[in-house]
PDB file of N, CA and C in Angstrom:
ATOM      1  N   ASP A   1       2.231  14.447   2.336  1.00  0.00           N
ATOM      2  CA  ASP A   1       1.308  14.664   3.427  1.00  0.00           C
ATOM      3  C   ASP A   1      -0.129  14.792   2.917  1.00  0.00           C
ATOM      4  N   ILE A   2      -0.300  15.447   1.777  1.00  0.00           N
ATOM      5  CA  ILE A   2      -1.648  15.613   1.229  1.00  0.00           C
ATOM      6  C   ILE A   2      -2.238  14.262   0.857  1.00  0.00           C
ATOM      7  N   VAL A   3      -1.449  13.424   0.203  1.00  0.00           N
ATOM      8  CA  VAL A   3      -1.937  12.102  -0.189  1.00  0.00           C
ATOM      9  C   VAL A   3      -2.318  11.297   1.048  1.00  0.00           C
ATOM     10  N   ARG A   4      -1.506  11.350   2.083  1.00  0.00           N
ATOM     11  CA  ARG A   4      -1.807  10.608   3.312  1.00  0.00           C
ATOM     12  C   ARG A   4      -3.070  11.141   3.976  1.00  0.00           C
ATOM     13  N   ALA A   5      -3.349  12.419   3.821  1.00  0.00           N
ATOM     14  CA  ALA A   5      -4.555  13.000   4.416  1.00  0.00           C
ATOM     15  C   ALA A   5      -5.809  12.613   3.639  1.00  0.00           C
ATOM     16  N   LEU A   6      -5.660  12.389   2.332  1.00  0.00           N
ATOM     17  CA  LEU A   6      -6.809  12.077   1.486  1.00  0.00           C
ATOM     18  C   LEU A   6      -7.102  10.593   1.354  1.00  0.00           C
ATOM     19  N   TYR A   7      -6.052   9.777   1.408  1.00  0.00           N
ATOM     20  CA  TYR A   7      -6.206   8.345   1.152  1.00  0.00           C
ATOM     21  C   TYR A   7      -5.725   7.532   2.348  1.00  0.00           C
ATOM     22  N   GLU A   8      -6.400   6.422   2.563  1.00  0.00           N
ATOM     23  CA  GLU A   8      -5.989   5.504   3.621  1.00  0.00           C
ATOM     24  C   GLU A   8      -5.178   4.390   2.984  1.00  0.00           C
ATOM     25  N   GLY A   9      -4.035   4.081   3.547  1.00  0.00           N
ATOM     26  CA  GLY A   9      -3.180   3.032   3.011  1.00  0.00           C
ATOM     27  C   GLY A   9      -3.320   1.732   3.779  1.00  0.00           C
ATOM     28  N   LEU A  10      -2.532   0.757   3.393  1.00  0.00           N
ATOM     29  CA  LEU A  10      -2.534  -0.512   4.104  1.00  0.00           C
ATOM     30  C   LEU A  10      -2.071  -0.330   5.546  1.00  0.00           C
ATOM     31  N   THR A  11      -1.086   0.516   5.718  1.00  0.00           N
ATOM     32  CA  THR A  11      -0.566   0.802   7.050  1.00  0.00           C
ATOM     33  C   THR A  11      -0.490   2.312   7.230  1.00  0.00           C
ATOM     34  N   ASP A  12      -0.239   2.714   8.447  1.00  0.00           N
ATOM     35  CA  ASP A  12      -0.011   4.122   8.765  1.00  0.00           C
ATOM     36  C   ASP A  12       1.226   4.181   9.644  1.00  0.00           C
ATOM     37  N   VAL A  13       1.541   5.352  10.131  1.00  0.00           N
ATOM     38  CA  VAL A  13       2.709   5.527  10.998  1.00  0.00           C
ATOM     39  C   VAL A  13       2.237   6.118  12.321  1.00  0.00           C
ATOM     40  N   ASP A  14       2.643   5.495  13.406  1.00  0.00           N
ATOM     41  CA  ASP A  14       2.323   6.028  14.729  1.00  0.00           C
ATOM     42  C   ASP A  14       3.068   7.344  14.895  1.00  0.00           C
ATOM     43  N   PRO A  15       2.375   8.441  15.165  1.00  0.00           N
ATOM     44  CA  PRO A  15       3.037   9.745  15.242  1.00  0.00           C
ATOM     45  C   PRO A  15       4.039   9.873  16.399  1.00  0.00           C
ATOM     46  N   LYS A  16       3.885   9.059  17.411  1.00  0.00           N
ATOM     47  CA  LYS A  16       4.814   9.133  18.546  1.00  0.00           C
ATOM     48  C   LYS A  16       6.042   8.254  18.364  1.00  0.00           C
ATOM     49  N   THR A  17       5.837   7.040  17.865  1.00  0.00           N
ATOM     50  CA  THR A  17       6.949   6.092  17.752  1.00  0.00           C
ATOM     51  C   THR A  17       7.514   5.998  16.339  1.00  0.00           C
ATOM     52  N   LEU A  18       6.766   6.488  15.349  1.00  0.00           N
ATOM     53  CA  LEU A  18       7.105   6.397  13.924  1.00  0.00           C
ATOM     54  C   LEU A  18       7.174   4.953  13.433  1.00  0.00           C
ATOM     55  N   LYS A  19       6.555   4.047  14.170  1.00  0.00           N
ATOM     56  CA  LYS A  19       6.496   2.645  13.761  1.00  0.00           C
ATOM     57  C   LYS A  19       5.214   2.404  12.966  1.00  0.00           C
ATOM     58  N   PRO A  20       5.247   1.402  12.060  1.00  0.00           N
ATOM     59  CA  PRO A  20       4.035   1.104  11.286  1.00  0.00           C
ATOM     60  C   PRO A  20       2.917   0.579  12.180  1.00  0.00           C
ATOM     61  N   ILE A  21       1.705   1.023  11.869  1.00  0.00           N
ATOM     62  CA  ILE A  21       0.517   0.570  12.592  1.00  0.00           C
ATOM     63  C   ILE A  21      -0.551   0.184  11.564  1.00  0.00           C
ATOM     64  N   PRO A  22      -1.504  -0.653  11.949  1.00  0.00           N
ATOM     65  CA  PRO A  22      -2.553  -1.064  11.010  1.00  0.00           C
ATOM     66  C   PRO A  22      -3.400   0.114  10.523  1.00  0.00           C
ATOM     67  N   SER A  23      -3.874  -0.013   9.305  1.00  0.00           N
ATOM     68  CA  SER A  23      -4.818   0.944   8.740  1.00  0.00           C
ATOM     69  C   SER A  23      -5.864   0.124   7.981  1.00  0.00           C
ATOM     70  N   LEU A  24      -5.771   0.024   6.655  1.00  0.00           N
ATOM     71  CA  LEU A  24      -6.671  -0.880   5.932  1.00  0.00           C
ATOM     72  C   LEU A  24      -6.289  -2.336   6.166  1.00  0.00           C
ATOM     73  N   ALA A  25      -5.031  -2.581   6.457  1.00  0.00           N
ATOM     74  CA  ALA A  25      -4.579  -3.928   6.803  1.00  0.00           C
ATOM     75  C   ALA A  25      -4.614  -4.072   8.320  1.00  0.00           C
ATOM     76  N   THR A  26      -5.153  -5.188   8.784  1.00  0.00           N
ATOM     77  CA  THR A  26      -5.198  -5.428  10.223  1.00  0.00           C
ATOM     78  C   THR A  26      -3.894  -6.027  10.720  1.00  0.00           C
ATOM     79  N   LYS A  27      -3.227  -6.765   9.831  1.00  0.00           N
ATOM     80  CA  LYS A  27      -1.927  -7.342  10.160  1.00  0.00           C
ATOM     81  C   LYS A  27      -1.220  -7.686   8.864  1.00  0.00           C
ATOM     82  N   TRP A  28       0.073  -7.957   8.969  1.00  0.00           N
ATOM     83  CA  TRP A  28       0.849  -8.310   7.791  1.00  0.00           C
ATOM     84  C   TRP A  28       2.010  -9.195   8.202  1.00  0.00           C
ATOM     85  N   THR A  29       2.479  -9.974   7.237  1.00  0.00           N
ATOM     86  CA  THR A  29       3.639 -10.833   7.436  1.00  0.00           C
ATOM     87  C   THR A  29       4.591 -10.619   6.276  1.00  0.00           C
ATOM     88  N   VAL A  30       5.839 -10.959   6.499  1.00  0.00           N
ATOM     89  CA  VAL A  30       6.856 -10.806   5.464  1.00  0.00           C
ATOM     90  C   VAL A  30       7.677 -12.090   5.399  1.00  0.00           C
ATOM     91  N   SER A  31       8.067 -12.462   4.181  1.00  0.00           N
ATOM     92  CA  SER A  31       8.873 -13.667   4.005  1.00  0.00           C
ATOM     93  C   SER A  31      10.265 -13.448   4.590  1.00  0.00           C
ATOM     94  N   GLU A  32      10.978 -14.541   4.813  1.00  0.00           N
ATOM     95  CA  GLU A  32      12.320 -14.457   5.402  1.00  0.00           C
ATOM     96  C   GLU A  32      13.278 -13.618   4.565  1.00  0.00           C
ATOM     97  N   ASP A  33      13.102 -13.635   3.243  1.00  0.00           N
ATOM     98  CA  ASP A  33      13.992 -12.861   2.366  1.00  0.00           C
ATOM     99  C   ASP A  33      13.477 -11.432   2.125  1.00  0.00           C
ATOM    100  N   PHE A  34      12.377 -11.062   2.791  1.00  0.00           N
ATOM    101  CA  PHE A  34      11.769  -9.729   2.689  1.00  0.00           C
ATOM    102  C   PHE A  34      11.289  -9.382   1.279  1.00  0.00           C
ATOM    103  N   LYS A  35      11.035 -10.402   0.462  1.00  0.00           N
ATOM    104  CA  LYS A  35      10.587 -10.145  -0.906  1.00  0.00           C
ATOM    105  C   LYS A  35       9.079 -10.274  -1.085  1.00  0.00           C
ATOM    106  N   THR A  36       8.419 -10.945  -0.150  1.00  0.00           N
ATOM    107  CA  THR A  36       6.978 -11.143  -0.258  1.00  0.00           C
ATOM    108  C   THR A  36       6.290 -10.654   1.005  1.00  0.00           C
ATOM    109  N   TRP A  37       5.381  -9.725   0.819  1.00  0.00           N
ATOM    110  CA  TRP A  37       4.613  -9.169   1.931  1.00  0.00           C
ATOM    111  C   TRP A  37       3.157  -9.573   1.748  1.00  0.00           C
ATOM    112  N   THR A  38       2.531 -10.048   2.812  1.00  0.00           N
ATOM    113  CA  THR A  38       1.138 -10.467   2.770  1.00  0.00           C
ATOM    114  C   THR A  38       0.344  -9.654   3.786  1.00  0.00           C
ATOM    115  N   PHE A  39      -0.716  -9.006   3.311  1.00  0.00           N
ATOM    116  CA  PHE A  39      -1.525  -8.136   4.160  1.00  0.00           C
ATOM    117  C   PHE A  39      -2.913  -8.730   4.345  1.00  0.00           C
ATOM    118  N   GLN A  40      -3.407  -8.696   5.569  1.00  0.00           N
ATOM    119  CA  GLN A  40      -4.776  -9.108   5.889  1.00  0.00           C
ATOM    120  C   GLN A  40      -5.610  -7.836   5.938  1.00  0.00           C
ATOM    121  N   LEU A  41      -6.595  -7.701   5.051  1.00  0.00           N
ATOM    122  CA  LEU A  41      -7.400  -6.487   4.987  1.00  0.00           C
ATOM    123  C   LEU A  41      -8.526  -6.489   6.013  1.00  0.00           C
ATOM    124  N   ARG A  42      -8.878  -5.290   6.468  1.00  0.00           N
ATOM    125  CA  ARG A  42     -10.043  -5.148   7.340  1.00  0.00           C
ATOM    126  C   ARG A  42     -11.281  -5.593   6.576  1.00  0.00           C
ATOM    127  N   ARG A  43     -12.134  -6.352   7.222  1.00  0.00           N
ATOM    128  CA  ARG A  43     -13.361  -6.823   6.568  1.00  0.00           C
ATOM    129  C   ARG A  43     -14.360  -5.691   6.345  1.00  0.00           C
ATOM    130  N   ASP A  44     -14.283  -4.640   7.151  1.00  0.00           N
ATOM    131  CA  ASP A  44     -15.240  -3.533   7.034  1.00  0.00           C
ATOM    132  C   ASP A  44     -14.739  -2.395   6.147  1.00  0.00           C
ATOM    133  N   ALA A  45     -13.608  -2.579   5.472  1.00  0.00           N
ATOM    134  CA  ALA A  45     -13.045  -1.521   4.621  1.00  0.00           C
ATOM    135  C   ALA A  45     -13.926  -1.307   3.394  1.00  0.00           C
ATOM    136  N   LYS A  46     -14.325  -0.063   3.183  1.00  0.00           N
ATOM    137  CA  LYS A  46     -15.214   0.270   2.066  1.00  0.00           C
ATOM    138  C   LYS A  46     -14.706   1.519   1.344  1.00  0.00           C
ATOM    139  N   TRP A  47     -14.992   1.593   0.055  1.00  0.00           N
ATOM    140  CA  TRP A  47     -14.744   2.795  -0.724  1.00  0.00           C
ATOM    141  C   TRP A  47     -15.834   3.811  -0.385  1.00  0.00           C
ATOM    142  N   THR A  48     -15.676   5.033  -0.832  1.00  0.00           N
ATOM    143  CA  THR A  48     -16.671   6.066  -0.550  1.00  0.00           C
ATOM    144  C   THR A  48     -18.040   5.753  -1.156  1.00  0.00           C
ATOM    145  N   ASN A  49     -18.067   4.887  -2.168  1.00  0.00           N
ATOM    146  CA  ASN A  49     -19.342   4.504  -2.772  1.00  0.00           C
ATOM    147  C   ASN A  49     -19.988   3.305  -2.067  1.00  0.00           C
ATOM    148  N   GLY A  50     -19.347   2.821  -0.999  1.00  0.00           N
ATOM    149  CA  GLY A  50     -19.901   1.720  -0.228  1.00  0.00           C
ATOM    150  C   GLY A  50     -19.428   0.339  -0.643  1.00  0.00           C
ATOM    151  N   GLU A  51     -18.723   0.246  -1.777  1.00  0.00           N
ATOM    152  CA  GLU A  51     -18.213  -1.058  -2.217  1.00  0.00           C
ATOM    153  C   GLU A  51     -17.062  -1.498  -1.322  1.00  0.00           C
ATOM    154  N   ALA A  52     -16.925  -2.800  -1.148  1.00  0.00           N
ATOM    155  CA  ALA A  52     -15.853  -3.356  -0.321  1.00  0.00           C
ATOM    156  C   ALA A  52     -14.489  -3.144  -0.979  1.00  0.00           C
ATOM    157  N   VAL A  53     -13.503  -2.819  -0.169  1.00  0.00           N
ATOM    158  CA  VAL A  53     -12.118  -2.748  -0.641  1.00  0.00           C
ATOM    159  C   VAL A  53     -11.604  -4.182  -0.724  1.00  0.00           C
ATOM    160  N   LYS A  54     -10.996  -4.527  -1.855  1.00  0.00           N
ATOM    161  CA  LYS A  54     -10.516  -5.896  -2.079  1.00  0.00           C
ATOM    162  C   LYS A  54      -9.017  -5.888  -2.369  1.00  0.00           C
ATOM    163  N   ALA A  55      -8.393  -7.013  -2.152  1.00  0.00           N
ATOM    164  CA  ALA A  55      -6.965  -7.150  -2.421  1.00  0.00           C
ATOM    165  C   ALA A  55      -6.646  -6.809  -3.878  1.00  0.00           C
ATOM    166  N   GLN A  56      -7.536  -7.183  -4.785  1.00  0.00           N
ATOM    167  CA  GLN A  56      -7.304  -6.919  -6.212  1.00  0.00           C
ATOM    168  C   GLN A  56      -7.179  -5.425  -6.487  1.00  0.00           C
ATOM    169  N   ASN A  57      -7.842  -4.585  -5.696  1.00  0.00           N
ATOM    170  CA  ASN A  57      -7.707  -3.133  -5.862  1.00  0.00           C
ATOM    171  C   ASN A  57      -6.252  -2.707  -5.687  1.00  0.00           C
ATOM    172  N   PHE A  58      -5.565  -3.299  -4.727  1.00  0.00           N
ATOM    173  CA  PHE A  58      -4.162  -2.959  -4.489  1.00  0.00           C
ATOM    174  C   PHE A  58      -3.265  -3.530  -5.581  1.00  0.00           C
ATOM    175  N   VAL A  59      -3.566  -4.753  -6.022  1.00  0.00           N
ATOM    176  CA  VAL A  59      -2.803  -5.352  -7.116  1.00  0.00           C
ATOM    177  C   VAL A  59      -2.901  -4.470  -8.354  1.00  0.00           C
ATOM    178  N   ASP A  60      -4.116  -4.049  -8.693  1.00  0.00           N
ATOM    179  CA  ASP A  60      -4.330  -3.203  -9.869  1.00  0.00           C
ATOM    180  C   ASP A  60      -3.593  -1.867  -9.739  1.00  0.00           C
ATOM    181  N   SER A  61      -3.587  -1.295  -8.549  1.00  0.00           N
ATOM    182  CA  SER A  61      -2.917  -0.012  -8.326  1.00  0.00           C
ATOM    183  C   SER A  61      -1.409  -0.127  -8.527  1.00  0.00           C
ATOM    184  N   TRP A  62      -0.820  -1.196  -7.982  1.00  0.00           N
ATOM    185  CA  TRP A  62       0.630  -1.382  -8.135  1.00  0.00           C
ATOM    186  C   TRP A  62       0.995  -1.672  -9.592  1.00  0.00           C
ATOM    187  N   LYS A  63       0.151  -2.434 -10.285  1.00  0.00           N
ATOM    188  CA  LYS A  63       0.417  -2.703 -11.702  1.00  0.00           C
ATOM    189  C   LYS A  63       0.362  -1.416 -12.517  1.00  0.00           C
ATOM    190  N   ARG A  64      -0.615  -0.568 -12.221  1.00  0.00           N
ATOM    191  CA  ARG A  64      -0.742   0.709 -12.928  1.00  0.00           C
ATOM    192  C   ARG A  64       0.475   1.590 -12.651  1.00  0.00           C
ATOM    193  N   LEU A  65       0.915   1.605 -11.423  1.00  0.00           N
ATOM    194  CA  LEU A  65       2.089   2.382 -11.055  1.00  0.00           C
ATOM    195  C   LEU A  65       3.313   1.909 -11.845  1.00  0.00           C
ATOM    196  N   ALA A  66       3.479   0.598 -11.984  1.00  0.00           N
ATOM    197  CA  ALA A  66       4.598   0.043 -12.746  1.00  0.00           C
ATOM    198  C   ALA A  66       4.495   0.421 -14.219  1.00  0.00           C
ATOM    199  N   GLU A  67       3.284   0.423 -14.757  1.00  0.00           N
ATOM    200  CA  GLU A  67       3.081   0.748 -16.171  1.00  0.00           C
ATOM    201  C   GLU A  67       3.353   2.217 -16.479  1.00  0.00           C
ATOM    202  N   LEU A  68       3.209   3.081 -15.507  1.00  0.00           N
ATOM    203  CA  LEU A  68       3.433   4.510 -15.729  1.00  0.00           C
ATOM    204  C   LEU A  68       4.896   4.849 -15.953  1.00  0.00           C
ATOM    205  N   GLY A  69       5.785   3.969 -15.548  1.00  0.00           N
ATOM    206  CA  GLY A  69       7.211   4.152 -15.805  1.00  0.00           C
ATOM    207  C   GLY A  69       7.746   5.472 -15.296  1.00  0.00           C
ATOM    208  N   ASP A  70       8.402   6.204 -16.193  1.00  0.00           N
ATOM    209  CA  ASP A  70       9.063   7.458 -15.818  1.00  0.00           C
ATOM    210  C   ASP A  70       8.100   8.587 -15.474  1.00  0.00           C
ATOM    211  N   LYS A  71       6.821   8.399 -15.693  1.00  0.00           N
ATOM    212  CA  LYS A  71       5.837   9.436 -15.366  1.00  0.00           C
ATOM    213  C   LYS A  71       5.558   9.511 -13.858  1.00  0.00           C
ATOM    214  N   VAL A  72       6.031   8.513 -13.110  1.00  0.00           N
ATOM    215  CA  VAL A  72       5.789   8.463 -11.669  1.00  0.00           C
ATOM    216  C   VAL A  72       6.743   9.419 -10.954  1.00  0.00           C
ATOM    217  N   PRO A  73       6.209  10.380 -10.183  1.00  0.00           N
ATOM    218  CA  PRO A  73       7.089  11.264  -9.414  1.00  0.00           C
ATOM    219  C   PRO A  73       7.853  10.456  -8.358  1.00  0.00           C
ATOM    220  N   GLN A  74       9.058  10.836  -8.111  1.00  0.00           N
ATOM    221  CA  GLN A  74       9.901  10.171  -7.112  1.00  0.00           C
ATOM    222  C   GLN A  74      10.038   8.670  -7.385  1.00  0.00           C
ATOM    223  N   ARG A  75      10.133   8.317  -8.645  1.00  0.00           N
ATOM    224  CA  ARG A  75      10.236   6.908  -9.045  1.00  0.00           C
ATOM    225  C   ARG A  75      11.401   6.197  -8.370  1.00  0.00           C
ATOM    226  N   SER A  76      12.445   6.919  -8.039  1.00  0.00           N
ATOM    227  CA  SER A  76      13.613   6.304  -7.410  1.00  0.00           C
ATOM    228  C   SER A  76      13.262   5.643  -6.073  1.00  0.00           C
ATOM    229  N   LEU A  77      12.179   6.085  -5.435  1.00  0.00           N
ATOM    230  CA  LEU A  77      11.764   5.482  -4.168  1.00  0.00           C
ATOM    231  C   LEU A  77      11.236   4.059  -4.360  1.00  0.00           C
ATOM    232  N   LEU A  78      10.930   3.693  -5.601  1.00  0.00           N
ATOM    233  CA  LEU A  78      10.364   2.381  -5.895  1.00  0.00           C
ATOM    234  C   LEU A  78      11.388   1.406  -6.459  1.00  0.00           C
ATOM    235  N   LYS A  79      12.643   1.823  -6.589  1.00  0.00           N
ATOM    236  CA  LYS A  79      13.641   1.010  -7.283  1.00  0.00           C
ATOM    237  C   LYS A  79      13.951  -0.313  -6.586  1.00  0.00           C
ATOM    238  N   ASN A  80      13.644  -0.434  -5.297  1.00  0.00           N
ATOM    239  CA  ASN A  80      13.923  -1.685  -4.607  1.00  0.00           C
ATOM    240  C   ASN A  80      12.768  -2.690  -4.724  1.00  0.00           C
ATOM    241  N   ILE A  81      11.743  -2.359  -5.498  1.00  0.00           N
ATOM    242  CA  ILE A  81      10.597  -3.262  -5.692  1.00  0.00           C
ATOM    243  C   ILE A  81      10.747  -3.931  -7.058  1.00  0.00           C
ATOM    244  N   VAL A  82      10.776  -5.256  -7.062  1.00  0.00           N
ATOM    245  CA  VAL A  82      10.931  -6.001  -8.311  1.00  0.00           C
ATOM    246  C   VAL A  82       9.802  -5.635  -9.266  1.00  0.00           C
ATOM    247  N   GLY A  83      10.158  -5.322 -10.508  1.00  0.00           N
ATOM    248  CA  GLY A  83       9.175  -4.972 -11.517  1.00  0.00           C
ATOM    249  C   GLY A  83       8.868  -3.492 -11.608  1.00  0.00           C
ATOM    250  N   MET A  84       9.429  -2.702 -10.710  1.00  0.00           N
ATOM    251  CA  MET A  84       9.143  -1.264 -10.715  1.00  0.00           C
ATOM    252  C   MET A  84      10.263  -0.435 -11.335  1.00  0.00           C
ATOM    253  N   ASN A  85      11.341  -1.069 -11.761  1.00  0.00           N
ATOM    254  CA  ASN A  85      12.448  -0.281 -12.321  1.00  0.00           C
ATOM    255  C   ASN A  85      12.452  -0.257 -13.808  1.00  0.00           C
TER     256      ASN A  85
END
């Protein structure tokens, strides 16, 4: 809950329906096999320093998470993501 309060993600959860809703991503699509997800980012998304949020920021974050290995809390939640185990 603290992380969700401090950081904005690609999506959020509607508090009434518990369904995913747009946040930094305005829309997203998923491949038929559910292995590839593509997110369209908001054009006005900015970091606190005013720089634009870019797709590469998310790529770098996921790569760093994978590199941390066993140091990641609740790592078992990531086991269904290729490259995260």
